[in-house]
Amino acid sequence: MSTTTAARDPADAALAGHEQRPLLDAAATSDTASTNSTRTGSSDVQGLAGASVANKTVDDRIDKEVLYEFGGPWGAIGIMIFSPCIMYFLWDAVEFHEGHLNLPTSFSDLVSLDYFRRFGAEIAERATPTLEHAFVYWTFLLFEAALYVL
């Protein structure tokens, strides 16, 4: 009883019923015989060279793709700006409003900027660092820099 290559390879057997989409166009791929010979492990030099050329073409195409995560540069800027704002907003809710979110009471409160003035005054009142806090922070930062250099 003869067995086919697909029956011996579990990955090929699992994909036997599914349509496979080629990664490359026909001009960039090697012939079917050399691809099958590299799968079965034979020492066909032409098959190995054809596979490496096909892999290089795929690698080149993937390297040229530009994929942005988190919205790209604009998303990163937004995260850098709004993460501290969210932290201050939540701190303000816990510190001054017994854990309730400090939301504007009306639309005119937003337009006249009274909401933002109150919010800024609450932050300035309790969230500004003292000289002692600044000294501890900068001492730690310089200590970390010294450890990095050494």
N, C-alpha and C. Protein backbone atom coordinates (compact mmCIF):
# COMPACT_ATOMS: atom_id res chain seq x y z
N MET A 1 0.86 -1.17 0.00
CA MET A 1 0.00 0.00 0.00
C MET A 1 0.89 1.23 0.00
N SER A 2 0.67 2.14 -0.91
CA SER A 2 1.51 3.32 -1.00
C SER A 2 0.82 4.49 -0.29
N THR A 3 1.65 5.31 0.31
CA THR A 3 1.12 6.50 0.99
C THR A 3 1.64 7.73 0.26
N THR A 4 0.85 8.76 0.26
CA THR A 4 1.26 10.01 -0.39
C THR A 4 1.97 10.90 0.61
N THR A 5 2.61 11.94 0.11
CA THR A 5 3.31 12.87 0.98
C THR A 5 2.34 13.58 1.92
N ALA A 6 1.15 13.89 1.42
CA ALA A 6 0.17 14.59 2.25
C ALA A 6 -0.29 13.73 3.43
N ALA A 7 -0.36 12.42 3.22
CA ALA A 7 -0.80 11.55 4.30
C ALA A 7 0.28 11.43 5.37
N ARG A 8 1.56 11.52 4.98
CA ARG A 8 2.63 11.41 5.97
C ARG A 8 2.83 12.71 6.74
N ASP A 9 2.56 13.84 6.14
CA ASP A 9 2.76 15.12 6.80
C ASP A 9 1.45 15.57 7.45
N PRO A 10 1.37 15.66 8.80
CA PRO A 10 0.11 16.01 9.45
C PRO A 10 -0.38 17.41 9.08
N ALA A 11 0.54 18.35 8.84
CA ALA A 11 0.11 19.71 8.48
C ALA A 11 -0.56 19.71 7.12
N ASP A 12 -0.02 18.95 6.17
CA ASP A 12 -0.64 18.87 4.85
C ASP A 12 -1.96 18.12 4.92
N ALA A 13 -2.05 17.10 5.77
CA ALA A 13 -3.28 16.33 5.90
C ALA A 13 -4.38 17.21 6.48
N ALA A 14 -4.04 18.08 7.41
CA ALA A 14 -5.03 18.96 8.02
C ALA A 14 -5.55 19.99 7.03
N LEU A 15 -4.70 20.41 6.11
CA LEU A 15 -5.07 21.44 5.14
C LEU A 15 -5.57 20.86 3.83
N ALA A 16 -5.68 19.53 3.74
CA ALA A 16 -6.02 18.90 2.47
C ALA A 16 -7.38 19.35 1.94
N GLY A 17 -8.35 19.60 2.80
CA GLY A 17 -9.67 19.97 2.34
C GLY A 17 -9.86 21.46 2.16
N HIS A 18 -8.85 22.27 2.51
CA HIS A 18 -8.98 23.72 2.45
C HIS A 18 -8.26 24.27 1.23
N GLU A 19 -8.80 25.32 0.67
CA GLU A 19 -8.15 25.97 -0.46
C GLU A 19 -6.99 26.81 0.07
N GLN A 20 -5.85 26.68 -0.53
CA GLN A 20 -4.68 27.42 -0.10
C GLN A 20 -4.41 28.55 -1.08
N ARG A 21 -4.16 29.74 -0.55
CA ARG A 21 -3.87 30.90 -1.37
C ARG A 21 -2.36 31.04 -1.50
N PRO A 22 -1.83 31.20 -2.70
CA PRO A 22 -0.38 31.31 -2.85
C PRO A 22 0.13 32.63 -2.28
N LEU A 23 1.32 32.58 -1.67
CA LEU A 23 1.92 33.78 -1.12
C LEU A 23 2.54 34.66 -2.20
N LEU A 24 3.03 34.04 -3.26
CA LEU A 24 3.72 34.77 -4.30
C LEU A 24 3.05 34.55 -5.64
N ASP A 25 3.36 35.41 -6.59
CA ASP A 25 2.84 35.16 -7.93
C ASP A 25 3.64 34.05 -8.58
N ALA A 26 3.17 33.55 -9.70
CA ALA A 26 3.76 32.37 -10.33
C ALA A 26 5.20 32.62 -10.77
N ALA A 27 5.56 33.83 -11.12
CA ALA A 27 6.91 34.10 -11.60
C ALA A 27 7.94 34.01 -10.48
N ALA A 28 7.54 34.30 -9.25
CA ALA A 28 8.50 34.32 -8.16
C ALA A 28 8.66 32.98 -7.47
N THR A 29 7.77 32.02 -7.72
CA THR A 29 7.85 30.74 -7.05
C THR A 29 8.66 29.75 -7.87
N SER A 30 9.19 28.78 -7.18
CA SER A 30 9.93 27.73 -7.89
C SER A 30 8.93 26.68 -8.38
N ASP A 31 9.39 25.76 -9.21
CA ASP A 31 8.47 24.76 -9.75
C ASP A 31 8.02 23.79 -8.67
N THR A 32 6.93 23.09 -8.91
CA THR A 32 6.31 22.22 -7.92
C THR A 32 7.22 21.07 -7.52
N ALA A 33 7.99 20.55 -8.44
CA ALA A 33 8.85 19.41 -8.13
C ALA A 33 9.93 19.80 -7.13
N SER A 34 10.53 20.97 -7.30
CA SER A 34 11.58 21.36 -6.36
C SER A 34 10.99 21.70 -5.00
N THR A 35 9.79 22.25 -4.95
CA THR A 35 9.16 22.54 -3.67
C THR A 35 8.83 21.25 -2.94
N ASN A 36 8.30 20.26 -3.65
CA ASN A 36 8.00 18.98 -3.02
C ASN A 36 9.27 18.29 -2.55
N SER A 37 10.37 18.43 -3.29
CA SER A 37 11.60 17.76 -2.88
C SER A 37 12.16 18.39 -1.61
N THR A 38 11.97 19.70 -1.40
CA THR A 38 12.45 20.30 -0.16
C THR A 38 11.56 19.91 1.02
N ARG A 39 10.28 19.65 0.79
CA ARG A 39 9.41 19.22 1.87
C ARG A 39 9.77 17.82 2.35
N THR A 40 10.11 16.95 1.42
CA THR A 40 10.39 15.57 1.81
C THR A 40 11.80 15.41 2.35
N GLY A 41 12.62 16.45 2.26
CA GLY A 41 13.94 16.39 2.86
C GLY A 41 15.02 15.87 1.94
N SER A 42 14.81 15.78 0.65
CA SER A 42 15.87 15.33 -0.24
C SER A 42 16.90 16.42 -0.39
N SER A 43 18.06 16.06 -0.88
CA SER A 43 19.16 17.01 -0.97
C SER A 43 19.25 17.63 -2.35
N ASP A 44 18.13 17.95 -2.94
CA ASP A 44 18.11 18.58 -4.25
C ASP A 44 18.52 20.04 -4.09
N VAL A 45 19.69 20.40 -4.58
CA VAL A 45 20.23 21.75 -4.41
C VAL A 45 19.36 22.77 -5.11
N GLN A 46 18.83 22.44 -6.26
CA GLN A 46 17.99 23.37 -6.98
C GLN A 46 16.72 23.67 -6.18
N GLY A 47 16.16 22.66 -5.53
CA GLY A 47 14.96 22.86 -4.72
C GLY A 47 15.23 23.76 -3.54
N LEU A 48 16.39 23.59 -2.88
CA LEU A 48 16.74 24.44 -1.75
C LEU A 48 16.98 25.87 -2.21
N ALA A 49 17.62 26.04 -3.34
CA ALA A 49 17.87 27.39 -3.85
C ALA A 49 16.56 28.06 -4.23
N GLY A 50 15.66 27.30 -4.85
CA GLY A 50 14.36 27.86 -5.22
C GLY A 50 13.56 28.28 -4.00
N ALA A 51 13.62 27.49 -2.93
CA ALA A 51 12.89 27.82 -1.72
C ALA A 51 13.47 29.06 -1.07
N SER A 52 14.80 29.21 -1.06
CA SER A 52 15.40 30.38 -0.44
C SER A 52 15.09 31.64 -1.23
N VAL A 53 15.01 31.54 -2.56
CA VAL A 53 14.64 32.70 -3.38
C VAL A 53 13.19 33.09 -3.09
N ALA A 54 12.31 32.10 -3.00
CA ALA A 54 10.91 32.39 -2.71
C ALA A 54 10.77 33.02 -1.33
N ASN A 55 11.50 32.50 -0.33
CA ASN A 55 11.44 33.06 1.02
C ASN A 55 11.98 34.48 1.04
N LYS A 56 13.05 34.74 0.29
CA LYS A 56 13.61 36.09 0.25
C LYS A 56 12.62 37.06 -0.36
N THR A 57 11.90 36.63 -1.38
CA THR A 57 10.90 37.50 -2.01
C THR A 57 9.79 37.82 -1.02
N VAL A 58 9.35 36.83 -0.26
CA VAL A 58 8.32 37.06 0.75
C VAL A 58 8.86 37.99 1.83
N ASP A 59 10.09 37.76 2.29
CA ASP A 59 10.68 38.62 3.31
C ASP A 59 10.80 40.06 2.84
N ASP A 60 11.21 40.26 1.59
CA ASP A 60 11.33 41.61 1.04
C ASP A 60 9.97 42.30 1.01
N ARG A 61 8.95 41.58 0.61
CA ARG A 61 7.62 42.16 0.54
C ARG A 61 7.10 42.51 1.94
N ILE A 62 7.36 41.65 2.90
CA ILE A 62 6.91 41.92 4.26
C ILE A 62 7.67 43.09 4.86
N ASP A 63 8.97 43.20 4.58
CA ASP A 63 9.76 44.30 5.11
C ASP A 63 9.32 45.65 4.56
N LYS A 64 8.75 45.67 3.38
CA LYS A 64 8.30 46.93 2.78
C LYS A 64 6.96 47.39 3.32
N GLU A 65 6.21 46.51 3.96
CA GLU A 65 4.92 46.88 4.53
C GLU A 65 5.13 47.74 5.77
N VAL A 66 4.35 48.77 5.90
CA VAL A 66 4.40 49.62 7.08
C VAL A 66 3.11 49.40 7.86
N LEU A 67 3.24 48.84 9.04
CA LEU A 67 2.09 48.57 9.89
C LEU A 67 2.20 49.43 11.14
N TYR A 68 1.18 50.22 11.39
CA TYR A 68 1.16 51.07 12.58
C TYR A 68 0.26 50.44 13.62
N GLU A 69 0.75 50.43 14.85
CA GLU A 69 -0.06 49.99 15.97
C GLU A 69 -0.48 51.21 16.77
N PHE A 70 -1.62 51.15 17.39
CA PHE A 70 -2.15 52.23 18.22
C PHE A 70 -2.31 53.52 17.45
N GLY A 71 -2.61 53.45 16.15
CA GLY A 71 -2.86 54.65 15.37
C GLY A 71 -1.62 55.31 14.82
N GLY A 72 -0.48 54.65 14.88
CA GLY A 72 0.74 55.21 14.32
C GLY A 72 1.29 56.34 15.16
N PRO A 73 2.03 57.26 14.54
CA PRO A 73 2.63 58.36 15.30
C PRO A 73 1.59 59.26 15.98
N TRP A 74 0.47 59.52 15.29
CA TRP A 74 -0.55 60.37 15.90
C TRP A 74 -1.20 59.68 17.10
N GLY A 75 -1.38 58.39 17.02
CA GLY A 75 -1.92 57.65 18.15
C GLY A 75 -0.97 57.64 19.33
N ALA A 76 0.32 57.52 19.05
CA ALA A 76 1.32 57.54 20.13
C ALA A 76 1.36 58.91 20.81
N ILE A 77 1.25 59.97 20.02
CA ILE A 77 1.22 61.32 20.60
C ILE A 77 -0.03 61.48 21.46
N GLY A 78 -1.16 60.99 20.96
CA GLY A 78 -2.39 61.07 21.73
C GLY A 78 -2.30 60.31 23.05
N ILE A 79 -1.70 59.14 23.02
CA ILE A 79 -1.54 58.36 24.25
C ILE A 79 -0.63 59.09 25.23
N MET A 80 0.45 59.68 24.71
CA MET A 80 1.37 60.40 25.59
C MET A 80 0.72 61.62 26.22
N ILE A 81 -0.17 62.27 25.50
CA ILE A 81 -0.81 63.48 26.03
C ILE A 81 -1.97 63.11 26.96
N PHE A 82 -2.82 62.17 26.55
CA PHE A 82 -4.06 61.93 27.29
C PHE A 82 -3.91 60.93 28.44
N SER A 83 -2.86 60.13 28.48
CA SER A 83 -2.70 59.21 29.62
C SER A 83 -2.52 59.98 30.94
N PRO A 84 -1.65 61.01 31.00
CA PRO A 84 -1.58 61.78 32.25
C PRO A 84 -2.88 62.52 32.56
N CYS A 85 -3.59 62.96 31.52
CA CYS A 85 -4.87 63.65 31.75
C CYS A 85 -5.88 62.72 32.42
N ILE A 86 -5.92 61.49 31.95
CA ILE A 86 -6.83 60.50 32.54
C ILE A 86 -6.42 60.21 33.98
N MET A 87 -5.11 60.11 34.21
CA MET A 87 -4.63 59.86 35.57
C MET A 87 -5.03 61.00 36.51
N TYR A 88 -4.86 62.25 36.08
CA TYR A 88 -5.25 63.39 36.90
C TYR A 88 -6.76 63.44 37.10
N PHE A 89 -7.52 63.10 36.06
CA PHE A 89 -8.98 63.10 36.17
C PHE A 89 -9.44 62.09 37.22
N LEU A 90 -8.87 60.89 37.19
CA LEU A 90 -9.26 59.86 38.17
C LEU A 90 -8.76 60.22 39.57
N TRP A 91 -7.55 60.79 39.67
CA TRP A 91 -7.04 61.22 40.97
C TRP A 91 -7.93 62.31 41.56
N ASP A 92 -8.37 63.25 40.71
CA ASP A 92 -9.25 64.32 41.17
C ASP A 92 -10.57 63.74 41.69
N ALA A 93 -11.09 62.73 40.99
CA ALA A 93 -12.35 62.12 41.43
C ALA A 93 -12.20 61.48 42.80
N VAL A 94 -11.11 60.81 43.04
CA VAL A 94 -10.91 60.12 44.32
C VAL A 94 -10.57 61.12 45.43
N GLU A 95 -9.72 62.08 45.14
CA GLU A 95 -9.22 63.00 46.16
C GLU A 95 -10.25 64.03 46.60
N PHE A 96 -11.01 64.59 45.66
CA PHE A 96 -11.89 65.71 45.98
C PHE A 96 -13.39 65.38 45.91
N HIS A 97 -13.78 64.32 45.24
CA HIS A 97 -15.20 64.07 45.01
C HIS A 97 -15.66 62.69 45.49
N GLU A 98 -14.98 62.13 46.47
CA GLU A 98 -15.31 60.86 47.10
C GLU A 98 -15.48 59.73 46.09
N GLY A 99 -14.67 59.74 45.04
CA GLY A 99 -14.69 58.68 44.04
C GLY A 99 -15.67 58.89 42.91
N HIS A 100 -16.48 59.91 42.97
CA HIS A 100 -17.43 60.21 41.88
C HIS A 100 -16.70 60.97 40.79
N LEU A 101 -17.06 60.69 39.56
CA LEU A 101 -16.43 61.40 38.46
C LEU A 101 -16.86 62.85 38.46
N ASN A 102 -15.91 63.74 38.30
CA ASN A 102 -16.17 65.17 38.29
C ASN A 102 -16.51 65.59 36.87
N LEU A 103 -17.79 65.52 36.54
CA LEU A 103 -18.25 65.86 35.20
C LEU A 103 -18.84 67.26 35.19
N PRO A 104 -18.79 67.94 34.05
CA PRO A 104 -19.40 69.28 33.99
C PRO A 104 -20.91 69.20 34.25
N THR A 105 -21.43 70.22 34.89
CA THR A 105 -22.85 70.23 35.23
C THR A 105 -23.72 70.67 34.06
N SER A 106 -23.16 71.48 33.14
CA SER A 106 -23.94 71.94 31.99
C SER A 106 -23.00 72.22 30.82
N PHE A 107 -23.61 72.43 29.67
CA PHE A 107 -22.82 72.74 28.48
C PHE A 107 -22.17 74.12 28.61
N SER A 108 -22.86 75.04 29.25
CA SER A 108 -22.28 76.38 29.44
C SER A 108 -21.06 76.33 30.35
N ASP A 109 -21.01 75.34 31.23
CA ASP A 109 -19.84 75.15 32.09
C ASP A 109 -18.61 74.81 31.26
N LEU A 110 -18.81 74.03 30.20
CA LEU A 110 -17.70 73.70 29.30
C LEU A 110 -17.30 74.88 28.42
N VAL A 111 -18.30 75.59 27.91
CA VAL A 111 -18.02 76.69 26.99
C VAL A 111 -17.31 77.83 27.70
N SER A 112 -17.70 78.12 28.90
CA SER A 112 -17.08 79.22 29.64
C SER A 112 -15.75 78.80 30.29
N LEU A 113 -15.39 77.55 30.16
CA LEU A 113 -14.14 76.99 30.69
C LEU A 113 -14.07 76.98 32.22
N ASP A 114 -15.21 77.19 32.89
CA ASP A 114 -15.21 77.14 34.36
C ASP A 114 -14.84 75.75 34.87
N TYR A 115 -15.31 74.72 34.19
CA TYR A 115 -15.00 73.34 34.58
C TYR A 115 -13.50 73.11 34.57
N PHE A 116 -12.83 73.56 33.52
CA PHE A 116 -11.39 73.35 33.40
C PHE A 116 -10.61 74.21 34.40
N ARG A 117 -11.13 75.40 34.72
CA ARG A 117 -10.48 76.25 35.73
C ARG A 117 -10.55 75.58 37.11
N ARG A 118 -11.74 75.06 37.45
CA ARG A 118 -11.86 74.36 38.75
C ARG A 118 -10.96 73.13 38.80
N PHE A 119 -10.95 72.38 37.70
CA PHE A 119 -10.11 71.18 37.63
C PHE A 119 -8.63 71.55 37.77
N GLY A 120 -8.19 72.56 37.06
CA GLY A 120 -6.80 73.01 37.15
C GLY A 120 -6.45 73.53 38.54
N ALA A 121 -7.39 74.22 39.20
CA ALA A 121 -7.13 74.74 40.54
C ALA A 121 -7.00 73.59 41.54
N GLU A 122 -7.82 72.55 41.39
CA GLU A 122 -7.71 71.40 42.29
C GLU A 122 -6.38 70.68 42.10
N ILE A 123 -5.93 70.57 40.85
CA ILE A 123 -4.63 69.93 40.59
C ILE A 123 -3.50 70.79 41.16
N ALA A 124 -3.56 72.09 40.93
CA ALA A 124 -2.51 72.99 41.43
C ALA A 124 -2.46 73.01 42.95
N GLU A 125 -3.62 72.84 43.58
CA GLU A 125 -3.69 72.88 45.04
C GLU A 125 -2.98 71.68 45.68
N ARG A 126 -3.18 70.49 45.15
CA ARG A 126 -2.69 69.29 45.83
C ARG A 126 -1.72 68.43 45.04
N ALA A 127 -1.56 68.68 43.73
CA ALA A 127 -0.72 67.78 42.95
C ALA A 127 0.64 68.36 42.57
N THR A 128 0.94 69.55 43.01
CA THR A 128 2.25 70.12 42.68
C THR A 128 3.30 69.54 43.62
N PRO A 129 4.46 69.20 43.08
CA PRO A 129 5.49 68.60 43.92
C PRO A 129 6.17 69.63 44.81
N THR A 130 6.60 69.18 45.97
CA THR A 130 7.38 70.02 46.87
C THR A 130 8.86 69.84 46.55
N LEU A 131 9.70 70.62 47.17
CA LEU A 131 11.15 70.47 46.96
C LEU A 131 11.63 69.10 47.42
N GLU A 132 11.04 68.58 48.48
CA GLU A 132 11.41 67.25 48.97
C GLU A 132 11.08 66.18 47.94
N HIS A 133 9.90 66.28 47.34
CA HIS A 133 9.51 65.31 46.32
C HIS A 133 10.42 65.40 45.09
N ALA A 134 10.73 66.61 44.67
CA ALA A 134 11.61 66.80 43.52
C ALA A 134 13.00 66.25 43.81
N PHE A 135 13.50 66.45 45.04
CA PHE A 135 14.82 65.95 45.40
C PHE A 135 14.83 64.41 45.36
N VAL A 136 13.83 63.76 45.90
CA VAL A 136 13.77 62.30 45.90
C VAL A 136 13.70 61.78 44.46
N TYR A 137 12.89 62.41 43.63
CA TYR A 137 12.74 61.98 42.23
C TYR A 137 14.06 62.12 41.47
N TRP A 138 14.69 63.28 41.55
CA TRP A 138 15.93 63.49 40.79
C TRP A 138 17.08 62.67 41.34
N THR A 139 17.10 62.42 42.63
CA THR A 139 18.13 61.54 43.20
C THR A 139 17.97 60.13 42.66
N PHE A 140 16.75 59.64 42.63
CA PHE A 140 16.51 58.31 42.08
C PHE A 140 16.87 58.25 40.60
N LEU A 141 16.51 59.29 39.85
CA LEU A 141 16.81 59.32 38.42
C LEU A 141 18.32 59.33 38.17
N LEU A 142 19.07 60.10 38.94
CA LEU A 142 20.53 60.13 38.79
C LEU A 142 21.15 58.80 39.21
N PHE A 143 20.60 58.18 40.25
CA PHE A 143 21.07 56.86 40.67
C PHE A 143 20.87 55.83 39.56
N GLU A 144 19.71 55.84 38.93
CA GLU A 144 19.44 54.95 37.80
C GLU A 144 20.38 55.22 36.64
N ALA A 145 20.68 56.49 36.36
CA ALA A 145 21.60 56.84 35.27
C ALA A 145 23.00 56.33 35.60
N ALA A 146 23.42 56.44 36.85
CA ALA A 146 24.73 55.94 37.25
C ALA A 146 24.81 54.42 37.09
N LEU A 147 23.75 53.72 37.45
CA LEU A 147 23.73 52.28 37.29
C LEU A 147 23.77 51.89 35.81
N TYR A 148 23.14 52.68 34.96
CA TYR A 148 23.15 52.40 33.52
C TYR A 148 24.55 52.56 32.95
N VAL A 149 25.26 53.61 33.39
CA VAL A 149 26.60 53.87 32.86
C VAL A 149 27.59 52.81 33.36
N LEU A 150 27.45 52.44 34.60
CA LEU A 150 28.39 51.45 35.16
C LEU A 150 28.00 50.11 34.70
